[in-house]
Amino acid sequence: MIKNGWFKHYIQGVGTRFEEIGDDNPVILGEALAKFGQARINWGLTRLCASLGMCKIFNEKELPLETAQKMVK
C-alpha cells in the first residue's frame, strides 16, 4: 500500500497512555479535559509529514522519532 501512496497510522485517544508524546500516566484530566489533546493532534501531523517523506514528495527525507517528539513539544 505504501508504494501506492496509502498510509495508516494509529493515534491513541485522550485519556489513554501515549508514551511518544509524554503521556505515560493518563489520569481523569485526559478523559475530562482532553489533557495532551493538542500534542496528539500535533503527533498526527508529524505522521503525515513522515508519510509524505516516505512517498518521495520530500525527496525521501525521513522524520526520525526524536525529531517528531521535539515538533510535538
N, C-alpha and C. Protein backbone atom coordinates (compact mmCIF):
# COMPACT_ATOMS: atom_id res chain seq x y z
N MET A 1 0.81 -1.19 0.00
CA MET A 1 0.00 0.00 0.00
C MET A 1 0.86 1.27 0.00
N ILE A 2 2.01 1.22 0.69
CA ILE A 2 2.86 2.41 0.77
C ILE A 2 3.32 2.83 -0.62
N LYS A 3 3.68 1.87 -1.46
CA LYS A 3 4.16 2.24 -2.79
C LYS A 3 3.08 2.92 -3.62
N ASN A 4 1.80 2.73 -3.26
CA ASN A 4 0.70 3.40 -3.94
C ASN A 4 0.30 4.71 -3.27
N GLY A 5 1.04 5.09 -2.20
CA GLY A 5 0.75 6.33 -1.51
C GLY A 5 -0.30 6.23 -0.43
N TRP A 6 -0.62 5.01 0.03
CA TRP A 6 -1.60 4.82 1.10
C TRP A 6 -0.86 4.52 2.40
N PHE A 7 -1.20 5.23 3.44
CA PHE A 7 -0.56 5.05 4.74
C PHE A 7 -1.64 4.95 5.81
N LYS A 8 -1.31 4.28 6.90
CA LYS A 8 -2.23 4.24 8.03
C LYS A 8 -1.41 4.44 9.31
N HIS A 9 -1.99 5.20 10.21
CA HIS A 9 -1.34 5.48 11.49
C HIS A 9 -2.40 5.42 12.58
N TYR A 10 -2.06 4.84 13.70
CA TYR A 10 -2.97 4.80 14.84
C TYR A 10 -2.53 5.86 15.84
N ILE A 11 -3.45 6.71 16.24
CA ILE A 11 -3.19 7.73 17.23
C ILE A 11 -4.06 7.42 18.44
N GLN A 12 -3.44 7.22 19.59
CA GLN A 12 -4.18 6.91 20.80
C GLN A 12 -5.08 8.09 21.18
N GLY A 13 -6.25 7.77 21.71
CA GLY A 13 -7.21 8.80 22.10
C GLY A 13 -6.89 9.41 23.45
N VAL A 14 -7.57 10.53 23.76
CA VAL A 14 -7.36 11.19 25.05
C VAL A 14 -7.74 10.25 26.18
N GLY A 15 -7.02 10.36 27.28
CA GLY A 15 -7.27 9.50 28.43
C GLY A 15 -6.59 8.15 28.34
N THR A 16 -5.79 7.93 27.29
CA THR A 16 -5.07 6.66 27.16
C THR A 16 -3.57 6.93 27.15
N ARG A 17 -2.80 5.92 27.48
CA ARG A 17 -1.34 6.01 27.54
C ARG A 17 -0.80 6.29 26.13
N PHE A 18 0.13 7.25 26.05
CA PHE A 18 0.72 7.62 24.77
C PHE A 18 2.14 8.12 25.05
N GLU A 19 3.04 7.17 25.24
CA GLU A 19 4.41 7.48 25.68
C GLU A 19 5.16 8.38 24.71
N GLU A 20 4.90 8.28 23.42
CA GLU A 20 5.63 9.07 22.43
C GLU A 20 5.47 10.58 22.65
N ILE A 21 4.37 11.00 23.24
CA ILE A 21 4.15 12.44 23.47
C ILE A 21 4.32 12.81 24.94
N GLY A 22 4.72 11.85 25.76
CA GLY A 22 4.96 12.13 27.17
C GLY A 22 3.78 11.86 28.08
N ASP A 23 2.69 11.31 27.57
CA ASP A 23 1.52 10.97 28.38
C ASP A 23 1.64 9.51 28.79
N ASP A 24 2.50 9.27 29.78
CA ASP A 24 2.74 7.89 30.20
C ASP A 24 1.95 7.49 31.44
N ASN A 25 1.15 8.41 31.96
CA ASN A 25 0.33 8.11 33.13
C ASN A 25 -1.01 8.84 33.00
N PRO A 26 -1.88 8.36 32.12
CA PRO A 26 -3.14 9.06 31.90
C PRO A 26 -4.00 9.09 33.17
N VAL A 27 -4.63 10.21 33.37
CA VAL A 27 -5.50 10.38 34.55
C VAL A 27 -6.83 10.93 34.07
N ILE A 28 -7.69 11.23 35.01
CA ILE A 28 -9.03 11.71 34.69
C ILE A 28 -9.00 13.00 33.86
N LEU A 29 -7.92 13.80 33.99
CA LEU A 29 -7.83 15.03 33.20
C LEU A 29 -7.78 14.74 31.71
N GLY A 30 -7.22 13.60 31.35
CA GLY A 30 -7.18 13.23 29.94
C GLY A 30 -8.56 12.95 29.39
N GLU A 31 -9.35 12.27 30.18
CA GLU A 31 -10.70 11.94 29.74
C GLU A 31 -11.64 13.14 29.82
N ALA A 32 -11.55 13.91 30.90
CA ALA A 32 -12.49 15.01 31.12
C ALA A 32 -12.12 16.29 30.38
N LEU A 33 -10.81 16.60 30.33
CA LEU A 33 -10.38 17.88 29.77
C LEU A 33 -9.47 17.74 28.56
N ALA A 34 -9.34 16.53 28.05
CA ALA A 34 -8.51 16.26 26.87
C ALA A 34 -7.06 16.71 27.06
N LYS A 35 -6.52 16.48 28.26
CA LYS A 35 -5.11 16.80 28.51
C LYS A 35 -4.26 16.07 27.47
N PHE A 36 -3.27 16.74 26.95
CA PHE A 36 -2.40 16.24 25.88
C PHE A 36 -3.13 16.15 24.53
N GLY A 37 -4.33 16.71 24.45
CA GLY A 37 -5.08 16.67 23.19
C GLY A 37 -4.35 17.34 22.05
N GLN A 38 -3.79 18.52 22.31
CA GLN A 38 -3.05 19.24 21.27
C GLN A 38 -1.82 18.46 20.84
N ALA A 39 -1.15 17.85 21.80
CA ALA A 39 0.04 17.06 21.46
C ALA A 39 -0.34 15.87 20.58
N ARG A 40 -1.50 15.28 20.81
CA ARG A 40 -1.96 14.16 19.99
C ARG A 40 -2.23 14.62 18.56
N ILE A 41 -2.85 15.78 18.42
CA ILE A 41 -3.10 16.33 17.08
C ILE A 41 -1.77 16.62 16.40
N ASN A 42 -0.85 17.25 17.12
CA ASN A 42 0.47 17.53 16.55
C ASN A 42 1.19 16.25 16.16
N TRP A 43 1.04 15.20 16.97
CA TRP A 43 1.66 13.92 16.63
C TRP A 43 1.10 13.39 15.31
N GLY A 44 -0.22 13.50 15.15
CA GLY A 44 -0.83 13.07 13.90
C GLY A 44 -0.26 13.83 12.71
N LEU A 45 -0.01 15.13 12.90
CA LEU A 45 0.59 15.93 11.83
C LEU A 45 2.01 15.48 11.53
N THR A 46 2.77 15.08 12.55
CA THR A 46 4.13 14.58 12.29
C THR A 46 4.08 13.27 11.51
N ARG A 47 3.05 12.46 11.75
CA ARG A 47 2.92 11.20 11.00
C ARG A 47 2.62 11.51 9.54
N LEU A 48 1.83 12.55 9.29
CA LEU A 48 1.55 12.97 7.93
C LEU A 48 2.85 13.40 7.24
N CYS A 49 3.65 14.20 7.95
CA CYS A 49 4.94 14.62 7.39
C CYS A 49 5.82 13.42 7.09
N ALA A 50 5.85 12.45 8.00
CA ALA A 50 6.66 11.26 7.80
C ALA A 50 6.18 10.47 6.57
N SER A 51 4.86 10.37 6.41
CA SER A 51 4.31 9.64 5.27
C SER A 51 4.65 10.33 3.96
N LEU A 52 4.55 11.66 3.94
CA LEU A 52 4.90 12.39 2.73
C LEU A 52 6.36 12.19 2.37
N GLY A 53 7.21 12.12 3.37
CA GLY A 53 8.63 11.86 3.11
C GLY A 53 8.85 10.47 2.52
N MET A 54 8.09 9.49 3.01
CA MET A 54 8.24 8.12 2.50
C MET A 54 7.77 7.98 1.07
N CYS A 55 6.81 8.81 0.66
CA CYS A 55 6.29 8.67 -0.70
C CYS A 55 6.97 9.63 -1.67
N LYS A 56 8.17 10.06 -1.32
CA LYS A 56 9.07 10.80 -2.21
C LYS A 56 8.65 12.24 -2.49
N ILE A 57 7.62 12.72 -1.84
CA ILE A 57 7.22 14.11 -2.06
C ILE A 57 8.30 15.06 -1.53
N PHE A 58 8.95 14.65 -0.45
CA PHE A 58 10.01 15.47 0.12
C PHE A 58 11.38 14.83 -0.11
N ASN A 59 11.59 14.26 -1.27
CA ASN A 59 12.88 13.67 -1.65
C ASN A 59 13.34 12.59 -0.69
N GLU A 60 12.41 11.76 -0.23
CA GLU A 60 12.70 10.62 0.63
C GLU A 60 13.40 11.01 1.93
N LYS A 61 13.05 12.16 2.49
CA LYS A 61 13.61 12.57 3.77
C LYS A 61 12.75 11.98 4.87
N GLU A 62 13.35 11.17 5.72
CA GLU A 62 12.61 10.57 6.82
C GLU A 62 12.45 11.56 7.96
N LEU A 63 11.48 11.29 8.83
CA LEU A 63 11.25 12.10 10.01
C LEU A 63 11.52 11.21 11.22
N PRO A 64 12.73 11.32 11.80
CA PRO A 64 13.08 10.45 12.93
C PRO A 64 12.16 10.68 14.13
N LEU A 65 11.99 9.65 14.95
CA LEU A 65 11.13 9.70 16.12
C LEU A 65 11.50 10.88 17.02
N GLU A 66 12.79 11.08 17.27
CA GLU A 66 13.24 12.16 18.16
C GLU A 66 12.83 13.53 17.62
N THR A 67 12.95 13.71 16.31
CA THR A 67 12.55 14.98 15.69
C THR A 67 11.06 15.20 15.83
N ALA A 68 10.28 14.15 15.61
CA ALA A 68 8.83 14.26 15.73
C ALA A 68 8.44 14.62 17.17
N GLN A 69 9.12 14.02 18.14
CA GLN A 69 8.82 14.33 19.53
C GLN A 69 9.12 15.78 19.85
N LYS A 70 10.19 16.33 19.31
CA LYS A 70 10.53 17.74 19.50
C LYS A 70 9.48 18.63 18.85
N MET A 71 8.99 18.24 17.68
CA MET A 71 7.97 19.01 16.99
C MET A 71 6.68 19.08 17.79
N VAL A 72 6.33 18.00 18.46
CA VAL A 72 5.10 17.94 19.25
C VAL A 72 5.18 18.89 20.43
N LYS A 73 6.36 18.98 21.05
CA LYS A 73 6.52 19.87 22.21
C LYS A 73 6.57 21.29 21.76
